[in-house]
């Protein structure tokens, strides 16, 4: 039998306190399927872990994944930056895009001279 995931206890504590699996995955920077598997396995062993229903209504539910093509060089540079920070490439890219959007820095990053583009 394989050893339990090193963050198993933390995942279950957060789940029992009502934190959704997708939010646990983001907070702990581990894969969402891993969190679901930990919770499912714990339930099958009799652990009392609540079920999480997806919210319904406009603007609710999981965000759609965004696929962004990268050149080999850009991917390698970003992967190195992600490793330096101890996060995955998708987590780093998400953080970069969130920072650019929230700080209204698209024009500065693109350096295209159009402040409204």
PDB file of N, CA and C in Angstrom:
ATOM      1  N   UNK A   1       0.851  -1.178   0.000  1.00  0.00           N
ATOM      2  CA  UNK A   1       0.000   0.000   0.000  1.00  0.00           C
ATOM      3  C   UNK A   1       0.896   1.241   0.000  1.00  0.00           C
ATOM      4  N   UNK A   2       0.637   2.196  -0.908  1.00  0.00           N
ATOM      5  CA  UNK A   2       1.494   3.379  -0.970  1.00  0.00           C
ATOM      6  C   UNK A   2       1.324   4.261   0.263  1.00  0.00           C
ATOM      7  N   UNK A   3       2.365   5.015   0.543  1.00  0.00           N
ATOM      8  CA  UNK A   3       2.316   5.940   1.682  1.00  0.00           C
ATOM      9  C   UNK A   3       1.298   7.039   1.394  1.00  0.00           C
ATOM     10  N   UNK A   4       0.635   7.554   2.440  1.00  0.00           N
ATOM     11  CA  UNK A   4      -0.328   8.634   2.210  1.00  0.00           C
ATOM     12  C   UNK A   4       0.376   9.903   1.728  1.00  0.00           C
ATOM     13  N   UNK A   5      -0.380  10.714   1.006  1.00  0.00           N
ATOM     14  CA  UNK A   5       0.150  11.985   0.508  1.00  0.00           C
ATOM     15  C   UNK A   5       0.633  12.814   1.701  1.00  0.00           C
ATOM     16  N   UNK A   6       1.779  13.502   1.583  1.00  0.00           N
ATOM     17  CA  UNK A   6       2.314  14.266   2.718  1.00  0.00           C
ATOM     18  C   UNK A   6       1.386  15.376   3.211  1.00  0.00           C
ATOM     19  N   UNK A   7       0.474  15.828   2.369  1.00  0.00           N
ATOM     20  CA  UNK A   7      -0.445  16.890   2.788  1.00  0.00           C
ATOM     21  C   UNK A   7      -1.849  16.364   3.086  1.00  0.00           C
ATOM     22  N   UNK A   8      -1.987  15.053   3.232  1.00  0.00           N
ATOM     23  CA  UNK A   8      -3.298  14.438   3.433  1.00  0.00           C
ATOM     24  C   UNK A   8      -4.037  15.049   4.616  1.00  0.00           C
ATOM     25  N   UNK A   9      -3.390  15.145   5.757  1.00  0.00           N
ATOM     26  CA  UNK A   9      -4.053  15.666   6.956  1.00  0.00           C
ATOM     27  C   UNK A   9      -4.504  17.107   6.754  1.00  0.00           C
ATOM     28  N   UNK A  10      -3.675  17.910   6.104  1.00  0.00           N
ATOM     29  CA  UNK A  10      -4.035  19.314   5.843  1.00  0.00           C
ATOM     30  C   UNK A  10      -5.228  19.394   4.904  1.00  0.00           C
ATOM     31  N   UNK A  11      -5.227  18.567   3.855  1.00  0.00           N
ATOM     32  CA  UNK A  11      -6.342  18.545   2.900  1.00  0.00           C
ATOM     33  C   UNK A  11      -7.630  18.190   3.623  1.00  0.00           C
ATOM     34  N   UNK A  12      -7.595  17.153   4.458  1.00  0.00           N
ATOM     35  CA  UNK A  12      -8.805  16.717   5.152  1.00  0.00           C
ATOM     36  C   UNK A  12      -9.275  17.740   6.178  1.00  0.00           C
ATOM     37  N   UNK A  13      -8.351  18.395   6.860  1.00  0.00           N
ATOM     38  CA  UNK A  13      -8.724  19.437   7.825  1.00  0.00           C
ATOM     39  C   UNK A  13      -9.437  20.578   7.111  1.00  0.00           C
ATOM     40  N   UNK A  14      -8.878  21.019   5.989  1.00  0.00           N
ATOM     41  CA  UNK A  14      -9.502  22.100   5.231  1.00  0.00           C
ATOM     42  C   UNK A  14     -10.870  21.673   4.688  1.00  0.00           C
ATOM     43  N   UNK A  15     -10.960  20.449   4.172  1.00  0.00           N
ATOM     44  CA  UNK A  15     -12.231  19.964   3.632  1.00  0.00           C
ATOM     45  C   UNK A  15     -13.292  19.894   4.729  1.00  0.00           C
ATOM     46  N   UNK A  16     -12.904  19.419   5.901  1.00  0.00           N
ATOM     47  CA  UNK A  16     -13.860  19.334   7.013  1.00  0.00           C
ATOM     48  C   UNK A  16     -14.306  20.713   7.495  1.00  0.00           C
ATOM     49  N   UNK A  17     -13.478  21.721   7.267  1.00  0.00           N
ATOM     50  CA  UNK A  17     -13.853  23.072   7.685  1.00  0.00           C
ATOM     51  C   UNK A  17     -14.673  23.788   6.607  1.00  0.00           C
ATOM     52  N   UNK A  18     -14.962  23.077   5.483  1.00  0.00           N
ATOM     53  CA  UNK A  18     -15.836  23.631   4.473  1.00  0.00           C
ATOM     54  C   UNK A  18     -15.151  24.230   3.261  1.00  0.00           C
ATOM     55  N   UNK A  19     -13.829  24.132   3.179  1.00  0.00           N
ATOM     56  CA  UNK A  19     -13.106  24.661   2.023  1.00  0.00           C
ATOM     57  C   UNK A  19     -13.298  23.699   0.848  1.00  0.00           C
ATOM     58  N   UNK A  20     -13.692  24.239  -0.298  1.00  0.00           N
ATOM     59  CA  UNK A  20     -13.928  23.418  -1.487  1.00  0.00           C
ATOM     60  C   UNK A  20     -12.617  22.817  -1.998  1.00  0.00           C
ATOM     61  N   UNK A  21     -12.688  21.611  -2.588  1.00  0.00           N
ATOM     62  CA  UNK A  21     -11.476  20.960  -3.102  1.00  0.00           C
ATOM     63  C   UNK A  21     -10.666  21.833  -4.066  1.00  0.00           C
ATOM     64  N   UNK A  22     -11.338  22.547  -4.951  1.00  0.00           N
ATOM     65  CA  UNK A  22     -10.610  23.394  -5.899  1.00  0.00           C
ATOM     66  C   UNK A  22      -9.844  24.486  -5.160  1.00  0.00           C
ATOM     67  N   UNK A  23     -10.413  25.024  -4.089  1.00  0.00           N
ATOM     68  CA  UNK A  23      -9.731  26.051  -3.306  1.00  0.00           C
ATOM     69  C   UNK A  23      -8.594  25.461  -2.477  1.00  0.00           C
ATOM     70  N   UNK A  24      -8.786  24.234  -2.003  1.00  0.00           N
ATOM     71  CA  UNK A  24      -7.708  23.544  -1.282  1.00  0.00           C
ATOM     72  C   UNK A  24      -6.520  23.354  -2.213  1.00  0.00           C
ATOM     73  N   UNK A  25      -6.798  22.908  -3.444  1.00  0.00           N
ATOM     74  CA  UNK A  25      -5.730  22.684  -4.422  1.00  0.00           C
ATOM     75  C   UNK A  25      -4.960  23.968  -4.688  1.00  0.00           C
ATOM     76  N   UNK A  26      -5.678  25.062  -4.868  1.00  0.00           N
ATOM     77  CA  UNK A  26      -5.008  26.346  -5.115  1.00  0.00           C
ATOM     78  C   UNK A  26      -4.187  26.782  -3.907  1.00  0.00           C
ATOM     79  N   UNK A  27      -4.777  26.663  -2.726  1.00  0.00           N
ATOM     80  CA  UNK A  27      -4.109  27.121  -1.512  1.00  0.00           C
ATOM     81  C   UNK A  27      -2.832  26.324  -1.238  1.00  0.00           C
ATOM     82  N   UNK A  28      -2.905  25.010  -1.420  1.00  0.00           N
ATOM     83  CA  UNK A  28      -1.755  24.154  -1.124  1.00  0.00           C
ATOM     84  C   UNK A  28      -0.851  23.940  -2.339  1.00  0.00           C
ATOM     85  N   UNK A  29      -1.290  24.479  -3.502  1.00  0.00           N
ATOM     86  CA  UNK A  29      -0.539  24.337  -4.742  1.00  0.00           C
ATOM     87  C   UNK A  29      -0.245  22.882  -5.086  1.00  0.00           C
ATOM     88  N   UNK A  30      -1.332  22.091  -5.001  1.00  0.00           N
ATOM     89  CA  UNK A  30      -1.254  20.708  -5.454  1.00  0.00           C
ATOM     90  C   UNK A  30      -2.386  20.502  -6.457  1.00  0.00           C
ATOM     91  N   UNK A  31      -2.296  19.459  -7.227  1.00  0.00           N
ATOM     92  CA  UNK A  31      -3.267  19.218  -8.291  1.00  0.00           C
ATOM     93  C   UNK A  31      -4.660  18.951  -7.724  1.00  0.00           C
ATOM     94  N   UNK A  32      -5.663  19.526  -8.384  1.00  0.00           N
ATOM     95  CA  UNK A  32      -7.050  19.338  -7.960  1.00  0.00           C
ATOM     96  C   UNK A  32      -7.441  17.857  -7.934  1.00  0.00           C
ATOM     97  N   UNK A  33      -7.068  17.045  -8.958  1.00  0.00           N
ATOM     98  CA  UNK A  33      -7.400  15.617  -8.888  1.00  0.00           C
ATOM     99  C   UNK A  33      -6.775  14.926  -7.666  1.00  0.00           C
ATOM    100  N   UNK A  34      -5.598  15.373  -7.249  1.00  0.00           N
ATOM    101  CA  UNK A  34      -4.965  14.798  -6.056  1.00  0.00           C
ATOM    102  C   UNK A  34      -5.818  15.078  -4.830  1.00  0.00           C
ATOM    103  N   UNK A  35      -6.308  16.313  -4.712  1.00  0.00           N
ATOM    104  CA  UNK A  35      -7.167  16.670  -3.569  1.00  0.00           C
ATOM    105  C   UNK A  35      -8.430  15.813  -3.598  1.00  0.00           C
ATOM    106  N   UNK A  36      -9.065  15.701  -4.774  1.00  0.00           N
ATOM    107  CA  UNK A  36     -10.281  14.880  -4.886  1.00  0.00           C
ATOM    108  C   UNK A  36      -9.999  13.435  -4.502  1.00  0.00           C
ATOM    109  N   UNK A  37      -8.853  12.909  -4.948  1.00  0.00           N
ATOM    110  CA  UNK A  37      -8.512  11.519  -4.628  1.00  0.00           C
ATOM    111  C   UNK A  37      -8.298  11.328  -3.135  1.00  0.00           C
ATOM    112  N   UNK A  38      -7.638  12.278  -2.483  1.00  0.00           N
ATOM    113  CA  UNK A  38      -7.414  12.189  -1.032  1.00  0.00           C
ATOM    114  C   UNK A  38      -8.760  12.164  -0.308  1.00  0.00           C
ATOM    115  N   UNK A  39      -9.667  13.056  -0.700  1.00  0.00           N
ATOM    116  CA  UNK A  39     -10.978  13.135  -0.051  1.00  0.00           C
ATOM    117  C   UNK A  39     -11.795  11.874  -0.327  1.00  0.00           C
ATOM    118  N   UNK A  40     -11.801  11.410  -1.577  1.00  0.00           N
ATOM    119  CA  UNK A  40     -12.555  10.202  -1.935  1.00  0.00           C
ATOM    120  C   UNK A  40     -12.038   8.990  -1.179  1.00  0.00           C
ATOM    121  N   UNK A  41     -10.725   8.860  -1.095  1.00  0.00           N
ATOM    122  CA  UNK A  41     -10.111   7.736  -0.380  1.00  0.00           C
ATOM    123  C   UNK A  41     -10.472   7.791   1.103  1.00  0.00           C
ATOM    124  N   UNK A  42     -10.408   8.983   1.686  1.00  0.00           N
ATOM    125  CA  UNK A  42     -10.735   9.141   3.109  1.00  0.00           C
ATOM    126  C   UNK A  42     -12.196   8.767   3.355  1.00  0.00           C
ATOM    127  N   UNK A  43     -13.085   9.191   2.462  1.00  0.00           N
ATOM    128  CA  UNK A  43     -14.509   8.830   2.607  1.00  0.00           C
ATOM    129  C   UNK A  43     -14.696   7.320   2.532  1.00  0.00           C
ATOM    130  N   UNK A  44     -13.986   6.669   1.605  1.00  0.00           N
ATOM    131  CA  UNK A  44     -14.128   5.219   1.447  1.00  0.00           C
ATOM    132  C   UNK A  44     -13.619   4.462   2.674  1.00  0.00           C
ATOM    133  N   UNK A  45     -12.756   5.121   3.454  1.00  0.00           N
ATOM    134  CA  UNK A  45     -12.235   4.517   4.683  1.00  0.00           C
ATOM    135  C   UNK A  45     -13.052   4.931   5.906  1.00  0.00           C
ATOM    136  N   UNK A  46     -14.181   5.615   5.640  1.00  0.00           N
ATOM    137  CA  UNK A  46     -15.090   5.955   6.725  1.00  0.00           C
ATOM    138  C   UNK A  46     -14.932   7.341   7.321  1.00  0.00           C
ATOM    139  N   UNK A  47     -14.046   8.157   6.763  1.00  0.00           N
ATOM    140  CA  UNK A  47     -13.849   9.513   7.294  1.00  0.00           C
ATOM    141  C   UNK A  47     -15.071  10.367   6.998  1.00  0.00           C
ATOM    142  N   UNK A  48     -15.403  11.248   7.926  1.00  0.00           N
ATOM    143  CA  UNK A  48     -16.538  12.146   7.766  1.00  0.00           C
ATOM    144  C   UNK A  48     -16.055  13.429   7.094  1.00  0.00           C
ATOM    145  N   UNK A  49     -16.172  13.455   5.776  1.00  0.00           N
ATOM    146  CA  UNK A  49     -15.770  14.625   4.983  1.00  0.00           C
ATOM    147  C   UNK A  49     -16.998  15.069   4.202  1.00  0.00           C
ATOM    148  N   UNK A  50     -17.388  16.345   4.325  1.00  0.00           N
ATOM    149  CA  UNK A  50     -18.605  16.792   3.643  1.00  0.00           C
ATOM    150  C   UNK A  50     -18.485  16.712   2.129  1.00  0.00           C
ATOM    151  N   UNK A  51     -19.644  16.646   1.490  1.00  0.00           N
ATOM    152  CA  UNK A  51     -19.700  16.683   0.028  1.00  0.00           C
ATOM    153  C   UNK A  51     -19.833  18.138  -0.388  1.00  0.00           C
ATOM    154  N   UNK A  52     -19.256  18.463  -1.509  1.00  0.00           N
ATOM    155  CA  UNK A  52     -19.258  19.834  -1.992  1.00  0.00           C
ATOM    156  C   UNK A  52     -20.058  19.903  -3.275  1.00  0.00           C
ATOM    157  N   UNK A  53     -21.121  20.664  -3.261  1.00  0.00           N
ATOM    158  CA  UNK A  53     -21.939  20.844  -4.451  1.00  0.00           C
ATOM    159  C   UNK A  53     -21.448  22.065  -5.201  1.00  0.00           C
ATOM    160  N   UNK A  54     -21.450  21.951  -6.504  1.00  0.00           N
ATOM    161  CA  UNK A  54     -21.051  23.088  -7.328  1.00  0.00           C
ATOM    162  C   UNK A  54     -22.095  24.184  -7.209  1.00  0.00           C
ATOM    163  N   UNK A  55     -21.663  25.424  -7.054  1.00  0.00           N
ATOM    164  CA  UNK A  55     -22.632  26.515  -7.039  1.00  0.00           C
ATOM    165  C   UNK A  55     -23.277  26.656  -8.409  1.00  0.00           C
ATOM    166  N   UNK A  56     -24.534  27.047  -8.422  1.00  0.00           N
ATOM    167  CA  UNK A  56     -25.257  27.220  -9.678  1.00  0.00           C
ATOM    168  C   UNK A  56     -25.631  28.678  -9.839  1.00  0.00           C
ATOM    169  N   UNK A  57     -25.781  29.091 -11.074  1.00  0.00           N
ATOM    170  CA  UNK A  57     -26.194  30.460 -11.333  1.00  0.00           C
ATOM    171  C   UNK A  57     -25.172  31.174 -12.189  1.00  0.00           C
ATOM    172  N   UNK A  58     -25.506  32.408 -12.595  1.00  0.00           N
ATOM    173  CA  UNK A  58     -24.602  33.163 -13.464  1.00  0.00           C
ATOM    174  C   UNK A  58     -23.250  33.409 -12.811  1.00  0.00           C
ATOM    175  N   UNK A  59     -22.207  33.169 -13.567  1.00  0.00           N
ATOM    176  CA  UNK A  59     -20.858  33.448 -13.075  1.00  0.00           C
ATOM    177  C   UNK A  59     -20.345  32.472 -12.049  1.00  0.00           C
ATOM    178  N   UNK A  60     -21.078  31.403 -11.777  1.00  0.00           N
ATOM    179  CA  UNK A  60     -20.619  30.453 -10.769  1.00  0.00           C
ATOM    180  C   UNK A  60     -19.962  29.263 -11.438  1.00  0.00           C
ATOM    181  N   UNK A  61     -19.393  28.435 -10.631  1.00  0.00           N
ATOM    182  CA  UNK A  61     -18.770  27.229 -11.145  1.00  0.00           C
ATOM    183  C   UNK A  61     -17.299  27.448 -11.438  1.00  0.00           C
ATOM    184  N   UNK A  62     -16.634  26.382 -11.819  1.00  0.00           N
ATOM    185  CA  UNK A  62     -15.196  26.470 -12.047  1.00  0.00           C
ATOM    186  C   UNK A  62     -14.862  27.350 -13.244  1.00  0.00           C
ATOM    187  N   UNK A  63     -13.712  27.995 -13.155  1.00  0.00           N
ATOM    188  CA  UNK A  63     -13.252  28.795 -14.285  1.00  0.00           C
ATOM    189  C   UNK A  63     -12.809  27.865 -15.396  1.00  0.00           C
ATOM    190  N   UNK A  64     -13.007  28.293 -16.608  1.00  0.00           N
ATOM    191  CA  UNK A  64     -12.559  27.489 -17.741  1.00  0.00           C
ATOM    192  C   UNK A  64     -11.042  27.622 -17.867  1.00  0.00           C
ATOM    193  N   UNK A  65     -10.418  26.534 -18.231  1.00  0.00           N
ATOM    194  CA  UNK A  65      -8.973  26.551 -18.422  1.00  0.00           C
ATOM    195  C   UNK A  65      -8.638  27.371 -19.663  1.00  0.00           C
ATOM    196  N   UNK A  66      -7.569  28.094 -19.583  1.00  0.00           N
ATOM    197  CA  UNK A  66      -7.094  28.900 -20.699  1.00  0.00           C
ATOM    198  C   UNK A  66      -5.813  28.266 -21.213  1.00  0.00           C
ATOM    199  N   UNK A  67      -5.783  27.943 -22.474  1.00  0.00           N
ATOM    200  CA  UNK A  67      -4.579  27.371 -23.065  1.00  0.00           C
ATOM    201  C   UNK A  67      -3.853  28.460 -23.837  1.00  0.00           C
ATOM    202  N   UNK A  68      -2.589  28.633 -23.523  1.00  0.00           N
ATOM    203  CA  UNK A  68      -1.790  29.668 -24.161  1.00  0.00           C
ATOM    204  C   UNK A  68      -0.578  28.996 -24.801  1.00  0.00           C
ATOM    205  N   UNK A  69      -0.449  29.098 -26.130  1.00  0.00           N
ATOM    206  CA  UNK A  69       0.723  28.497 -26.773  1.00  0.00           C
ATOM    207  C   UNK A  69       1.979  29.283 -26.426  1.00  0.00           C
ATOM    208  N   UNK A  70       3.042  28.570 -26.126  1.00  0.00           N
ATOM    209  CA  UNK A  70       4.323  29.188 -25.791  1.00  0.00           C
ATOM    210  C   UNK A  70       5.408  28.627 -26.700  1.00  0.00           C
ATOM    211  N   UNK A  71       6.380  29.465 -27.021  1.00  0.00           N
ATOM    212  CA  UNK A  71       7.545  28.954 -27.738  1.00  0.00           C
ATOM    213  C   UNK A  71       8.342  28.089 -26.767  1.00  0.00           C
ATOM    214  N   UNK A  72       9.178  27.252 -27.292  1.00  0.00           N
ATOM    215  CA  UNK A  72      10.004  26.401 -26.439  1.00  0.00           C
ATOM    216  C   UNK A  72      10.851  27.204 -25.473  1.00  0.00           C
ATOM    217  N   UNK A  73      11.409  28.313 -25.961  1.00  0.00           N
ATOM    218  CA  UNK A  73      12.272  29.161 -25.127  1.00  0.00           C
ATOM    219  C   UNK A  73      11.469  29.816 -23.995  1.00  0.00           C
ATOM    220  N   UNK A  74      10.276  30.360 -24.336  1.00  0.00           N
ATOM    221  CA  UNK A  74       9.441  31.003 -23.322  1.00  0.00           C
ATOM    222  C   UNK A  74       9.022  29.982 -22.268  1.00  0.00           C
ATOM    223  N   UNK A  75       8.655  28.789 -22.721  1.00  0.00           N
ATOM    224  CA  UNK A  75       8.251  27.744 -21.783  1.00  0.00           C
ATOM    225  C   UNK A  75       9.405  27.368 -20.856  1.00  0.00           C
ATOM    226  N   UNK A  76      10.597  27.243 -21.408  1.00  0.00           N
ATOM    227  CA  UNK A  76      11.765  26.885 -20.600  1.00  0.00           C
ATOM    228  C   UNK A  76      12.076  27.978 -19.575  1.00  0.00           C
ATOM    229  N   UNK A  77      12.018  29.238 -20.012  1.00  0.00           N
ATOM    230  CA  UNK A  77      12.291  30.352 -19.088  1.00  0.00           C
ATOM    231  C   UNK A  77      11.255  30.401 -17.967  1.00  0.00           C
ATOM    232  N   UNK A  78       9.985  30.231 -18.335  1.00  0.00           N
ATOM    233  CA  UNK A  78       8.928  30.266 -17.317  1.00  0.00           C
ATOM    234  C   UNK A  78       9.017  29.056 -16.386  1.00  0.00           C
ATOM    235  N   UNK A  79       9.360  27.900 -16.934  1.00  0.00           N
ATOM    236  CA  UNK A  79       9.506  26.704 -16.109  1.00  0.00           C
ATOM    237  C   UNK A  79      10.634  26.883 -15.091  1.00  0.00           C
ATOM    238  N   UNK A  80      11.705  27.532 -15.524  1.00  0.00           N
ATOM    239  CA  UNK A  80      12.818  27.804 -14.603  1.00  0.00           C
ATOM    240  C   UNK A  80      12.381  28.763 -13.494  1.00  0.00           C
ATOM    241  N   UNK A  81      11.635  29.807 -13.859  1.00  0.00           N
ATOM    242  CA  UNK A  81      11.135  30.757 -12.865  1.00  0.00           C
ATOM    243  C   UNK A  81      10.174  30.071 -11.898  1.00  0.00           C
ATOM    244  N   UNK A  82       9.353  29.163 -12.414  1.00  0.00           N
ATOM    245  CA  UNK A  82       8.412  28.437 -11.557  1.00  0.00           C
ATOM    246  C   UNK A  82       9.168  27.546 -10.577  1.00  0.00           C
ATOM    247  N   UNK A  83      10.181  26.837 -11.069  1.00  0.00           N
ATOM    248  CA  UNK A  83      10.960  25.951 -10.203  1.00  0.00           C
ATOM    249  C   UNK A  83      11.676  26.745  -9.115  1.00  0.00           C
ATOM    250  N   UNK A  84      12.200  27.908  -9.471  1.00  0.00           N
ATOM    251  CA  UNK A  84      12.881  28.760  -8.493  1.00  0.00           C
ATOM    252  C   UNK A  84      11.925  29.152  -7.361  1.00  0.00           C
ATOM    253  N   UNK A  85      10.655  29.362  -7.723  1.00  0.00           N
ATOM    254  CA  UNK A  85       9.655  29.774  -6.733  1.00  0.00           C
ATOM    255  C   UNK A  85       8.954  28.589  -6.076  1.00  0.00           C
ATOM    256  N   UNK A  86       9.268  27.381  -6.518  1.00  0.00           N
ATOM    257  CA  UNK A  86       8.676  26.187  -5.926  1.00  0.00           C
ATOM    258  C   UNK A  86       7.219  25.964  -6.297  1.00  0.00           C
ATOM    259  N   UNK A  87       6.820  26.447  -7.484  1.00  0.00           N
ATOM    260  CA  UNK A  87       5.447  26.251  -7.948  1.00  0.00           C
ATOM    261  C   UNK A  87       5.474  25.611  -9.323  1.00  0.00           C
ATOM    262  N   UNK A  88       4.320  25.148  -9.756  1.00  0.00           N
ATOM    263  CA  UNK A  88       4.229  24.556 -11.092  1.00  0.00           C
ATOM    264  C   UNK A  88       4.163  25.655 -12.145  1.00  0.00           C
ATOM    265  N   UNK A  89       4.426  25.279 -13.382  1.00  0.00           N
ATOM    266  CA  UNK A  89       4.349  26.227 -14.488  1.00  0.00           C
ATOM    267  C   UNK A  89       2.951  26.833 -14.619  1.00  0.00           C
ATOM    268  N   UNK A  90       1.871  26.031 -14.560  1.00  0.00           N
ATOM    269  CA  UNK A  90       0.537  26.636 -14.645  1.00  0.00           C
ATOM    270  C   UNK A  90       0.249  27.626 -13.509  1.00  0.00           C
ATOM    271  N   UNK A  91       0.714  27.321 -12.301  1.00  0.00           N
ATOM    272  CA  UNK A  91       0.498  28.234 -11.166  1.00  0.00           C
ATOM    273  C   UNK A  91       1.240  29.544 -11.411  1.00  0.00           C
ATOM    274  N   UNK A  92       2.488  29.473 -11.860  1.00  0.00           N
ATOM    275  CA  UNK A  92       3.249  30.686 -12.142  1.00  0.00           C
ATOM    276  C   UNK A  92       2.572  31.514 -13.230  1.00  0.00           C
ATOM    277  N   UNK A  93       2.157  30.863 -14.317  1.00  0.00           N
ATOM    278  CA  UNK A  93       1.502  31.581 -15.418  1.00  0.00           C
ATOM    279  C   UNK A  93       0.211  32.238 -14.944  1.00  0.00           C
ATOM    280  N   UNK A  94      -0.537  31.534 -14.134  1.00  0.00           N
ATOM    281  CA  UNK A  94      -1.776  32.106 -13.602  1.00  0.00           C
ATOM    282  C   UNK A  94      -1.475  33.334 -12.753  1.00  0.00           C
ATOM    283  N   UNK A  95      -0.460  33.240 -11.900  1.00  0.00           N
ATOM    284  CA  UNK A  95      -0.081  34.381 -11.058  1.00  0.00           C
ATOM    285  C   UNK A  95       0.366  35.568 -11.899  1.00  0.00           C
ATOM    286  N   UNK A  96       1.142  35.296 -12.937  1.00  0.00           N
ATOM    287  CA  UNK A  96       1.602  36.373 -13.814  1.00  0.00           C
ATOM    288  C   UNK A  96       0.424  37.077 -14.485  1.00  0.00           C
ATOM    289  N   UNK A  97      -0.480  36.299 -15.061  1.00  0.00           N
ATOM    290  CA  UNK A  97      -1.622  36.895 -15.746  1.00  0.00           C
ATOM    291  C   UNK A  97      -2.533  37.651 -14.784  1.00  0.00           C
ATOM    292  N   UNK A  98      -2.736  37.104 -13.591  1.00  0.00           N
ATOM    293  CA  UNK A  98      -3.560  37.795 -12.583  1.00  0.00           C
ATOM    294  C   UNK A  98      -2.912  39.123 -12.194  1.00  0.00           C
ATOM    295  N   UNK A  99      -1.590  39.135 -12.012  1.00  0.00           N
ATOM    296  CA  UNK A  99      -0.894  40.375 -11.634  1.00  0.00           C
ATOM    297  C   UNK A  99      -0.960  41.407 -12.752  1.00  0.00           C
ATOM    298  N   UNK A 100      -0.755  40.968 -13.967  1.00  0.00           N
ATOM    299  CA  UNK A 100      -0.819  41.889 -15.111  1.00  0.00           C
ATOM    300  C   UNK A 100      -2.216  42.489 -15.226  1.00  0.00           C
ATOM    301  N   UNK A 101      -3.234  41.654 -15.103  1.00  0.00           N
ATOM    302  CA  UNK A 101      -4.617  42.131 -15.234  1.00  0.00           C
ATOM    303  C   UNK A 101      -5.007  43.032 -14.066  1.00  0.00           C
ATOM    304  N   UNK A 102      -4.690  42.619 -12.833  1.00  0.00           N
ATOM    305  CA  UNK A 102      -5.141  43.398 -11.673  1.00  0.00           C
ATOM    306  C   UNK A 102      -4.404  44.725 -11.544  1.00  0.00           C
ATOM    307  N   UNK A 103      -3.179  44.800 -12.042  1.00  0.00           N
ATOM    308  CA  UNK A 103      -2.415  46.050 -11.967  1.00  0.00           C
ATOM    309  C   UNK A 103      -2.504  46.855 -13.262  1.00  0.00           C
ATOM    310  N   UNK A 104      -3.363  46.428 -14.196  1.00  0.00           N
ATOM    311  CA  UNK A 104      -3.576  47.121 -15.465  1.00  0.00           C
ATOM    312  C   UNK A 104      -2.247  47.382 -16.180  1.00  0.00           C
ATOM    313  N   UNK A 105      -1.446  46.317 -16.305  1.00  0.00           N
ATOM    314  CA  UNK A 105      -0.105  46.448 -16.859  1.00  0.00           C
ATOM    315  C   UNK A 105       0.038  45.874 -18.265  1.00  0.00           C
ATOM    316  N   UNK A 106      -1.050  45.526 -18.924  1.00  0.00           N
ATOM    317  CA  UNK A 106      -0.944  44.887 -20.238  1.00  0.00           C
ATOM    318  C   UNK A 106      -0.177  45.752 -21.233  1.00  0.00           C
ATOM    319  N   UNK A 107      -0.498  47.054 -21.300  1.00  0.00           N
ATOM    320  CA  UNK A 107       0.183  47.937 -22.254  1.00  0.00           C
ATOM    321  C   UNK A 107       1.678  48.025 -21.944  1.00  0.00           C
ATOM    322  N   UNK A 108       2.015  48.104 -20.656  1.00  0.00           N
ATOM    323  CA  UNK A 108       3.423  48.199 -20.277  1.00  0.00           C
ATOM    324  C   UNK A 108       4.171  46.911 -20.606  1.00  0.00           C
ATOM    325  N   UNK A 109       3.547  45.773 -20.364  1.00  0.00           N
ATOM    326  CA  UNK A 109       4.190  44.492 -20.645  1.00  0.00           C
ATOM    327  C   UNK A 109       4.358  44.302 -22.142  1.00  0.00           C
ATOM    328  N   UNK A 110       3.324  44.649 -22.909  1.00  0.00           N
ATOM    329  CA  UNK A 110       3.388  44.490 -24.363  1.00  0.00           C
ATOM    330  C   UNK A 110       4.224  45.564 -25.033  1.00  0.00           C
ATOM    331  N   UNK A 111       4.356  46.714 -24.372  1.00  0.00           N
ATOM    332  CA  UNK A 111       5.165  47.835 -24.886  1.00  0.00           C
ATOM    333  C   UNK A 111       4.782  48.159 -26.328  1.00  0.00           C
ATOM    334  N   UNK A 112       3.457  48.212 -26.578  1.00  0.00           N
ATOM    335  CA  UNK A 112       2.996  48.483 -27.920  1.00  0.00           C
ATOM    336  C   UNK A 112       2.560  49.944 -28.131  1.00  0.00           C
ATOM    337  N   UNK A 113       2.699  50.752 -27.105  1.00  0.00           N
ATOM    338  CA  UNK A 113       2.399  52.176 -27.221  1.00  0.00           C
ATOM    339  C   UNK A 113       0.914  52.517 -27.172  1.00  0.00           C
ATOM    340  N   UNK A 114       0.051  51.530 -27.029  1.00  0.00           N
ATOM    341  CA  UNK A 114      -1.380  51.794 -26.974  1.00  0.00           C
ATOM    342  C   UNK A 114      -1.856  51.607 -25.527  1.00  0.00           C
ATOM    343  N   UNK A 115      -2.105  52.699 -24.788  1.00  0.00           N
ATOM    344  CA  UNK A 115      -2.487  52.568 -23.387  1.00  0.00           C
ATOM    345  C   UNK A 115      -3.855  51.952 -23.190  1.00  0.00           C
ATOM    346  N   UNK A 116      -4.709  51.943 -24.196  1.00  0.00           N
ATOM    347  CA  UNK A 116      -6.043  51.393 -24.050  1.00  0.00           C
ATOM    348  C   UNK A 116      -6.205  50.014 -24.674  1.00  0.00           C
ATOM    349  N   UNK A 117      -5.163  49.476 -25.263  1.00  0.00           N
ATOM    350  CA  UNK A 117      -5.279  48.171 -25.938  1.00  0.00           C
ATOM    351  C   UNK A 117      -5.171  47.040 -24.949  1.00  0.00           C
TER     352      UNK A 117
END
